[in-house]
Amino acid sequence: METKDVILSLRNKNNLSQEELAEKVFVTRQAVSRWETGETIPNTETLKQLSKLFDVSINTLLGTPRQLICQCCGMPLDDGTLSKEPDGEFNEDYCKWCYSDGKFTYESKEQLIDFCVEHMANENWSAEQVRAYMESFVPTLKHWK
C-alpha cells in the first residue's frame, strides 16, 4: 500500500474530513488532498504527528517500505509489536518486549538467549538448535554490537 492510500484509509477509518485532519496536524486541507492523491508526502514532523494521531508507525504511514526487525532479539516488527518511547512515540528499532518506557529488558546477550531458548524450543527446533542460532544471530543486531 502506498502512502497516499494509507493516509486516506486512516482518515476514513477515523471518520475525519480532510479539513479535520488538516487542523489536527496543522496543515492546510489542500496539503491533505495532495498527500491523498500522491502528489506529495508529509514532511518528517508531520509524519510524526500523523503517527501519534493514528497510533501507527511512520513505517506504516510510508506504506511499510522495509521489513523491520527488533535490533535486540531479531523478532519481525509491526505496529502491534513495536516499542514506544516514554512520550508515546514509536521506536522502530525494538519490540515492546525488549524495550519499554525507555528501558531495555535484557541486561546481557546471555540473558536474552536463555529466555529465547526456553520459549522457542519445541518438537521441531531443539533447545540446542535455538541456542546455536541465537548465539550466531544476536551479536549481529545493533543493540549488541
N, C-alpha and C. Protein backbone atom coordinates (compact mmCIF):
# COMPACT_ATOMS: atom_id res chain seq x y z
N MET A 1 0.84 -1.17 0.00
CA MET A 1 0.00 0.00 0.00
C MET A 1 0.89 1.24 0.00
N GLU A 2 0.55 2.22 -0.79
CA GLU A 2 1.32 3.46 -0.89
C GLU A 2 0.90 4.44 0.19
N THR A 3 1.76 5.42 0.46
CA THR A 3 1.49 6.44 1.48
C THR A 3 0.13 7.08 1.27
N LYS A 4 -0.18 7.43 0.04
CA LYS A 4 -1.46 8.11 -0.24
C LYS A 4 -2.64 7.24 0.18
N ASP A 5 -2.56 5.94 -0.07
CA ASP A 5 -3.64 5.03 0.29
C ASP A 5 -3.73 4.83 1.80
N VAL A 6 -2.58 4.79 2.46
CA VAL A 6 -2.55 4.61 3.91
C VAL A 6 -3.20 5.81 4.59
N ILE A 7 -2.83 7.01 4.19
CA ILE A 7 -3.37 8.21 4.82
C ILE A 7 -4.87 8.31 4.58
N LEU A 8 -5.31 8.07 3.36
CA LEU A 8 -6.74 8.11 3.05
C LEU A 8 -7.50 7.08 3.87
N SER A 9 -6.97 5.88 3.94
CA SER A 9 -7.62 4.82 4.71
C SER A 9 -7.71 5.16 6.19
N LEU A 10 -6.62 5.65 6.77
CA LEU A 10 -6.62 6.02 8.19
C LEU A 10 -7.57 7.19 8.46
N ARG A 11 -7.61 8.15 7.56
CA ARG A 11 -8.50 9.30 7.73
C ARG A 11 -9.95 8.83 7.71
N ASN A 12 -10.28 7.98 6.74
CA ASN A 12 -11.66 7.47 6.64
C ASN A 12 -12.01 6.58 7.83
N LYS A 13 -11.08 5.73 8.24
CA LYS A 13 -11.30 4.83 9.38
C LYS A 13 -11.60 5.63 10.65
N ASN A 14 -11.00 6.81 10.76
CA ASN A 14 -11.19 7.67 11.93
C ASN A 14 -12.28 8.72 11.71
N ASN A 15 -13.04 8.57 10.63
CA ASN A 15 -14.17 9.46 10.32
C ASN A 15 -13.79 10.94 10.35
N LEU A 16 -12.65 11.24 9.72
CA LEU A 16 -12.20 12.62 9.65
C LEU A 16 -12.32 13.14 8.23
N SER A 17 -12.75 14.38 8.09
CA SER A 17 -12.70 15.02 6.79
C SER A 17 -11.27 15.47 6.54
N GLN A 18 -10.97 15.85 5.31
CA GLN A 18 -9.64 16.39 5.03
C GLN A 18 -9.39 17.63 5.87
N GLU A 19 -10.40 18.46 6.03
CA GLU A 19 -10.28 19.68 6.83
C GLU A 19 -9.98 19.35 8.29
N GLU A 20 -10.67 18.37 8.85
CA GLU A 20 -10.45 17.99 10.25
C GLU A 20 -9.04 17.43 10.46
N LEU A 21 -8.60 16.58 9.53
CA LEU A 21 -7.25 16.05 9.64
C LEU A 21 -6.23 17.17 9.54
N ALA A 22 -6.43 18.08 8.62
CA ALA A 22 -5.53 19.21 8.43
C ALA A 22 -5.39 20.02 9.72
N GLU A 23 -6.51 20.28 10.38
CA GLU A 23 -6.48 21.04 11.64
C GLU A 23 -5.69 20.31 12.71
N LYS A 24 -5.83 18.99 12.78
CA LYS A 24 -5.17 18.21 13.83
C LYS A 24 -3.65 18.17 13.66
N VAL A 25 -3.17 18.27 12.41
CA VAL A 25 -1.71 18.20 12.18
C VAL A 25 -1.15 19.53 11.66
N PHE A 26 -1.96 20.59 11.76
CA PHE A 26 -1.51 21.96 11.49
C PHE A 26 -1.02 22.17 10.06
N VAL A 27 -1.81 21.67 9.10
CA VAL A 27 -1.53 21.90 7.68
C VAL A 27 -2.83 22.36 7.02
N THR A 28 -2.77 22.64 5.75
CA THR A 28 -3.98 23.04 5.02
C THR A 28 -4.72 21.80 4.52
N ARG A 29 -6.01 22.00 4.21
CA ARG A 29 -6.79 20.92 3.61
C ARG A 29 -6.18 20.51 2.28
N GLN A 30 -5.62 21.48 1.57
CA GLN A 30 -5.00 21.20 0.27
C GLN A 30 -3.79 20.29 0.44
N ALA A 31 -3.05 20.45 1.52
CA ALA A 31 -1.90 19.57 1.77
C ALA A 31 -2.37 18.14 1.94
N VAL A 32 -3.45 17.95 2.71
CA VAL A 32 -4.00 16.60 2.90
C VAL A 32 -4.45 16.04 1.56
N SER A 33 -5.10 16.85 0.77
CA SER A 33 -5.54 16.41 -0.56
C SER A 33 -4.35 15.97 -1.42
N ARG A 34 -3.26 16.74 -1.38
CA ARG A 34 -2.07 16.38 -2.17
C ARG A 34 -1.45 15.07 -1.69
N TRP A 35 -1.49 14.81 -0.36
CA TRP A 35 -0.99 13.54 0.15
C TRP A 35 -1.83 12.39 -0.39
N GLU A 36 -3.14 12.60 -0.38
CA GLU A 36 -4.06 11.51 -0.75
C GLU A 36 -4.11 11.26 -2.25
N THR A 37 -3.65 12.20 -3.05
CA THR A 37 -3.56 11.97 -4.49
C THR A 37 -2.17 11.48 -4.89
N GLY A 38 -1.24 11.49 -3.92
CA GLY A 38 0.12 11.04 -4.20
C GLY A 38 1.00 12.11 -4.79
N GLU A 39 0.50 13.34 -4.83
CA GLU A 39 1.27 14.45 -5.37
C GLU A 39 2.47 14.77 -4.49
N THR A 40 2.28 14.68 -3.17
CA THR A 40 3.35 14.92 -2.21
C THR A 40 3.21 13.93 -1.05
N ILE A 41 4.21 13.90 -0.18
CA ILE A 41 4.09 13.14 1.07
C ILE A 41 4.36 14.10 2.22
N PRO A 42 3.84 13.79 3.40
CA PRO A 42 4.07 14.68 4.55
C PRO A 42 5.55 14.77 4.90
N ASN A 43 5.95 15.92 5.45
CA ASN A 43 7.33 16.07 5.90
C ASN A 43 7.53 15.27 7.19
N THR A 44 8.76 15.20 7.65
CA THR A 44 9.10 14.37 8.81
C THR A 44 8.30 14.73 10.05
N GLU A 45 8.20 16.01 10.36
CA GLU A 45 7.46 16.43 11.56
C GLU A 45 5.98 16.07 11.45
N THR A 46 5.41 16.22 10.27
CA THR A 46 4.00 15.89 10.07
C THR A 46 3.80 14.38 10.14
N LEU A 47 4.75 13.61 9.62
CA LEU A 47 4.66 12.15 9.75
C LEU A 47 4.64 11.75 11.23
N LYS A 48 5.44 12.42 12.05
CA LYS A 48 5.44 12.14 13.49
C LYS A 48 4.08 12.44 14.10
N GLN A 49 3.48 13.56 13.71
CA GLN A 49 2.16 13.92 14.22
C GLN A 49 1.10 12.92 13.77
N LEU A 50 1.15 12.52 12.51
CA LEU A 50 0.20 11.53 11.99
C LEU A 50 0.38 10.19 12.70
N SER A 51 1.63 9.83 12.97
CA SER A 51 1.93 8.59 13.68
C SER A 51 1.26 8.58 15.05
N LYS A 52 1.38 9.68 15.78
CA LYS A 52 0.75 9.78 17.10
C LYS A 52 -0.77 9.80 16.98
N LEU A 53 -1.28 10.59 16.07
CA LEU A 53 -2.73 10.73 15.90
C LEU A 53 -3.40 9.40 15.59
N PHE A 54 -2.82 8.65 14.65
CA PHE A 54 -3.43 7.39 14.22
C PHE A 54 -2.88 6.17 14.95
N ASP A 55 -1.88 6.35 15.81
CA ASP A 55 -1.25 5.27 16.57
C ASP A 55 -0.71 4.18 15.64
N VAL A 56 0.01 4.63 14.61
CA VAL A 56 0.70 3.72 13.69
C VAL A 56 2.12 4.24 13.52
N SER A 57 3.01 3.37 13.11
CA SER A 57 4.41 3.78 12.91
C SER A 57 4.56 4.61 11.64
N ILE A 58 5.65 5.35 11.60
CA ILE A 58 5.97 6.09 10.38
C ILE A 58 6.20 5.10 9.24
N ASN A 59 6.79 3.96 9.55
CA ASN A 59 6.99 2.92 8.54
C ASN A 59 5.65 2.53 7.90
N THR A 60 4.61 2.39 8.71
CA THR A 60 3.29 2.07 8.19
C THR A 60 2.75 3.21 7.33
N LEU A 61 2.91 4.45 7.81
CA LEU A 61 2.44 5.60 7.04
C LEU A 61 3.10 5.67 5.66
N LEU A 62 4.35 5.23 5.60
CA LEU A 62 5.07 5.27 4.32
C LEU A 62 4.80 4.04 3.46
N GLY A 63 3.84 3.23 3.89
CA GLY A 63 3.47 2.05 3.09
C GLY A 63 4.33 0.84 3.40
N THR A 64 4.92 0.78 4.58
CA THR A 64 5.78 -0.31 5.02
C THR A 64 6.84 -0.62 3.97
N PRO A 65 7.71 0.36 3.69
CA PRO A 65 8.72 0.17 2.65
C PRO A 65 9.83 -0.81 3.02
N ARG A 66 9.97 -1.09 4.32
CA ARG A 66 11.04 -2.01 4.71
C ARG A 66 10.54 -2.91 5.83
N GLN A 67 11.03 -4.11 5.87
CA GLN A 67 10.69 -5.04 6.95
C GLN A 67 11.56 -4.74 8.14
N LEU A 68 10.93 -4.40 9.24
CA LEU A 68 11.66 -4.07 10.45
C LEU A 68 11.82 -5.31 11.32
N ILE A 69 12.99 -5.40 11.98
CA ILE A 69 13.20 -6.45 12.98
C ILE A 69 13.75 -5.79 14.24
N CYS A 70 13.42 -6.38 15.37
CA CYS A 70 13.93 -5.88 16.64
C CYS A 70 15.45 -5.98 16.65
N GLN A 71 16.09 -4.89 16.97
CA GLN A 71 17.55 -4.85 16.98
C GLN A 71 18.14 -5.36 18.29
N CYS A 72 17.29 -5.99 19.11
CA CYS A 72 17.75 -6.65 20.33
C CYS A 72 17.59 -8.17 20.19
N CYS A 73 16.39 -8.62 19.74
CA CYS A 73 16.13 -10.06 19.68
C CYS A 73 15.95 -10.61 18.27
N GLY A 74 15.72 -9.75 17.27
CA GLY A 74 15.57 -10.21 15.89
C GLY A 74 14.15 -10.52 15.46
N MET A 75 13.18 -10.28 16.33
CA MET A 75 11.78 -10.56 16.01
C MET A 75 11.27 -9.60 14.95
N PRO A 76 10.47 -10.09 13.96
CA PRO A 76 9.87 -9.17 13.00
C PRO A 76 8.95 -8.18 13.72
N LEU A 77 8.94 -6.93 13.26
CA LEU A 77 8.16 -5.89 13.91
C LEU A 77 7.01 -5.40 13.04
N ASP A 78 5.91 -5.10 13.71
CA ASP A 78 4.79 -4.40 13.07
C ASP A 78 4.23 -3.44 14.12
N ASP A 79 3.18 -2.71 13.78
CA ASP A 79 2.67 -1.71 14.71
C ASP A 79 2.24 -2.29 16.04
N GLY A 80 1.83 -3.55 16.07
CA GLY A 80 1.39 -4.18 17.31
C GLY A 80 2.52 -4.63 18.21
N THR A 81 3.72 -4.77 17.66
CA THR A 81 4.84 -5.25 18.46
C THR A 81 5.94 -4.21 18.68
N LEU A 82 5.82 -3.06 18.02
CA LEU A 82 6.83 -2.01 18.18
C LEU A 82 6.82 -1.44 19.60
N SER A 83 7.99 -1.10 20.09
CA SER A 83 8.09 -0.45 21.39
C SER A 83 7.75 1.03 21.25
N LYS A 84 7.52 1.64 22.37
CA LYS A 84 7.25 3.08 22.38
C LYS A 84 8.18 3.74 23.39
N GLU A 85 8.49 4.98 23.10
CA GLU A 85 9.29 5.80 23.99
C GLU A 85 8.38 6.31 25.12
N PRO A 86 8.95 6.82 26.20
CA PRO A 86 8.13 7.33 27.30
C PRO A 86 7.11 8.39 26.86
N ASP A 87 7.41 9.16 25.80
CA ASP A 87 6.47 10.19 25.32
C ASP A 87 5.40 9.63 24.39
N GLY A 88 5.41 8.30 24.16
CA GLY A 88 4.39 7.67 23.32
C GLY A 88 4.78 7.48 21.87
N GLU A 89 5.92 8.04 21.44
CA GLU A 89 6.35 7.85 20.05
C GLU A 89 6.84 6.43 19.85
N PHE A 90 6.56 5.88 18.66
CA PHE A 90 7.06 4.56 18.33
C PHE A 90 8.57 4.56 18.25
N ASN A 91 9.19 3.47 18.68
CA ASN A 91 10.62 3.25 18.48
C ASN A 91 10.71 2.07 17.51
N GLU A 92 11.10 2.35 16.27
CA GLU A 92 11.09 1.34 15.23
C GLU A 92 12.30 0.42 15.25
N ASP A 93 13.12 0.52 16.30
CA ASP A 93 14.29 -0.36 16.41
C ASP A 93 14.03 -1.59 17.29
N TYR A 94 13.05 -1.52 18.18
CA TYR A 94 12.90 -2.59 19.18
C TYR A 94 11.45 -3.02 19.36
N CYS A 95 11.29 -4.28 19.76
CA CYS A 95 9.95 -4.79 20.09
C CYS A 95 9.58 -4.33 21.50
N LYS A 96 8.29 -4.41 21.80
CA LYS A 96 7.82 -3.94 23.10
C LYS A 96 8.26 -4.86 24.24
N TRP A 97 8.75 -6.04 23.92
CA TRP A 97 9.22 -6.95 24.97
C TRP A 97 10.69 -6.71 25.32
N CYS A 98 11.46 -6.17 24.39
CA CYS A 98 12.87 -5.91 24.66
C CYS A 98 13.12 -4.49 25.17
N TYR A 99 12.22 -3.57 24.83
CA TYR A 99 12.42 -2.17 25.20
C TYR A 99 11.07 -1.55 25.53
N SER A 100 10.95 -0.98 26.71
CA SER A 100 9.68 -0.39 27.13
C SER A 100 9.95 0.80 28.04
N ASP A 101 9.23 1.88 27.81
CA ASP A 101 9.35 3.09 28.62
C ASP A 101 10.79 3.55 28.80
N GLY A 102 11.58 3.45 27.73
CA GLY A 102 12.94 3.95 27.76
C GLY A 102 13.95 3.02 28.39
N LYS A 103 13.54 1.78 28.69
CA LYS A 103 14.45 0.85 29.35
C LYS A 103 14.48 -0.49 28.61
N PHE A 104 15.67 -1.09 28.58
CA PHE A 104 15.82 -2.41 27.98
C PHE A 104 15.51 -3.48 29.01
N THR A 105 14.91 -4.57 28.54
CA THR A 105 14.53 -5.69 29.40
C THR A 105 15.72 -6.56 29.76
N TYR A 106 16.59 -6.81 28.79
CA TYR A 106 17.70 -7.76 28.97
C TYR A 106 19.01 -7.01 29.22
N GLU A 107 19.71 -7.44 30.23
CA GLU A 107 20.98 -6.79 30.58
C GLU A 107 22.16 -7.39 29.83
N SER A 108 21.96 -8.57 29.27
CA SER A 108 23.07 -9.21 28.54
C SER A 108 22.52 -10.07 27.42
N LYS A 109 23.39 -10.35 26.44
CA LYS A 109 23.02 -11.27 25.36
C LYS A 109 22.65 -12.63 25.93
N GLU A 110 23.40 -13.07 26.91
CA GLU A 110 23.17 -14.39 27.50
C GLU A 110 21.79 -14.49 28.13
N GLN A 111 21.37 -13.43 28.82
CA GLN A 111 20.04 -13.41 29.43
C GLN A 111 18.96 -13.50 28.35
N LEU A 112 19.10 -12.76 27.27
CA LEU A 112 18.16 -12.81 26.16
C LEU A 112 18.15 -14.20 25.54
N ILE A 113 19.31 -14.75 25.26
CA ILE A 113 19.41 -16.06 24.62
C ILE A 113 18.79 -17.13 25.50
N ASP A 114 19.05 -17.10 26.79
CA ASP A 114 18.44 -18.07 27.71
C ASP A 114 16.91 -17.99 27.65
N PHE A 115 16.38 -16.77 27.64
CA PHE A 115 14.93 -16.59 27.55
C PHE A 115 14.40 -17.17 26.24
N CYS A 116 15.07 -16.87 25.13
CA CYS A 116 14.63 -17.37 23.82
C CYS A 116 14.68 -18.88 23.75
N VAL A 117 15.73 -19.48 24.26
CA VAL A 117 15.85 -20.94 24.26
C VAL A 117 14.66 -21.55 25.00
N GLU A 118 14.35 -20.99 26.15
CA GLU A 118 13.26 -21.50 26.98
C GLU A 118 11.90 -21.40 26.27
N HIS A 119 11.70 -20.33 25.49
CA HIS A 119 10.39 -20.09 24.90
C HIS A 119 10.27 -20.45 23.42
N MET A 120 11.38 -20.69 22.75
CA MET A 120 11.31 -21.00 21.32
C MET A 120 11.50 -22.48 21.01
N ALA A 121 12.14 -23.20 21.90
CA ALA A 121 12.40 -24.62 21.64
C ALA A 121 11.06 -25.37 21.59
N ASN A 122 10.98 -26.30 20.64
CA ASN A 122 9.78 -27.13 20.50
C ASN A 122 10.16 -28.44 19.81
N GLU A 123 9.15 -29.20 19.41
CA GLU A 123 9.44 -30.50 18.81
C GLU A 123 10.17 -30.39 17.46
N ASN A 124 10.06 -29.24 16.82
CA ASN A 124 10.72 -29.04 15.52
C ASN A 124 12.10 -28.38 15.65
N TRP A 125 12.34 -27.72 16.77
CA TRP A 125 13.58 -26.98 16.94
C TRP A 125 14.06 -27.20 18.37
N SER A 126 15.10 -27.97 18.52
CA SER A 126 15.59 -28.33 19.86
C SER A 126 16.21 -27.12 20.56
N ALA A 127 16.34 -27.21 21.87
CA ALA A 127 16.96 -26.14 22.64
C ALA A 127 18.38 -25.87 22.14
N GLU A 128 19.09 -26.91 21.78
CA GLU A 128 20.46 -26.74 21.28
C GLU A 128 20.47 -25.98 19.96
N GLN A 129 19.50 -26.28 19.08
CA GLN A 129 19.42 -25.58 17.81
C GLN A 129 19.07 -24.11 18.00
N VAL A 130 18.12 -23.85 18.89
CA VAL A 130 17.74 -22.46 19.17
C VAL A 130 18.95 -21.71 19.71
N ARG A 131 19.64 -22.29 20.67
CA ARG A 131 20.80 -21.63 21.28
C ARG A 131 21.88 -21.35 20.22
N ALA A 132 22.18 -22.33 19.39
CA ALA A 132 23.21 -22.14 18.36
C ALA A 132 22.81 -21.01 17.40
N TYR A 133 21.54 -21.01 16.98
CA TYR A 133 21.08 -19.96 16.08
C TYR A 133 21.16 -18.59 16.74
N MET A 134 20.64 -18.47 17.95
CA MET A 134 20.62 -17.18 18.64
C MET A 134 22.04 -16.70 18.95
N GLU A 135 22.94 -17.60 19.30
CA GLU A 135 24.32 -17.19 19.59
C GLU A 135 25.04 -16.66 18.35
N SER A 136 24.62 -17.14 17.18
CA SER A 136 25.25 -16.63 15.95
C SER A 136 24.55 -15.37 15.44
N PHE A 137 23.25 -15.24 15.69
CA PHE A 137 22.45 -14.13 15.13
C PHE A 137 22.44 -12.88 16.02
N VAL A 138 22.21 -13.05 17.30
CA VAL A 138 22.04 -11.91 18.21
C VAL A 138 23.22 -10.93 18.17
N PRO A 139 24.47 -11.39 18.13
CA PRO A 139 25.59 -10.42 18.09
C PRO A 139 25.61 -9.53 16.85
N THR A 140 24.86 -9.87 15.81
CA THR A 140 24.82 -9.06 14.60
C THR A 140 23.83 -7.90 14.71
N LEU A 141 22.98 -7.90 15.74
CA LEU A 141 21.97 -6.88 15.91
C LEU A 141 22.56 -5.62 16.54
N LYS A 142 22.02 -4.46 16.15
CA LYS A 142 22.55 -3.16 16.55
C LYS A 142 22.73 -3.01 18.06
N HIS A 143 21.78 -3.49 18.84
CA HIS A 143 21.85 -3.31 20.29
C HIS A 143 23.05 -4.01 20.91
N TRP A 144 23.48 -5.12 20.32
CA TRP A 144 24.56 -5.93 20.92
C TRP A 144 25.92 -5.70 20.29
N LYS A 145 26.00 -4.87 19.25
CA LYS A 145 27.29 -4.63 18.58
C LYS A 145 28.18 -3.77 19.43
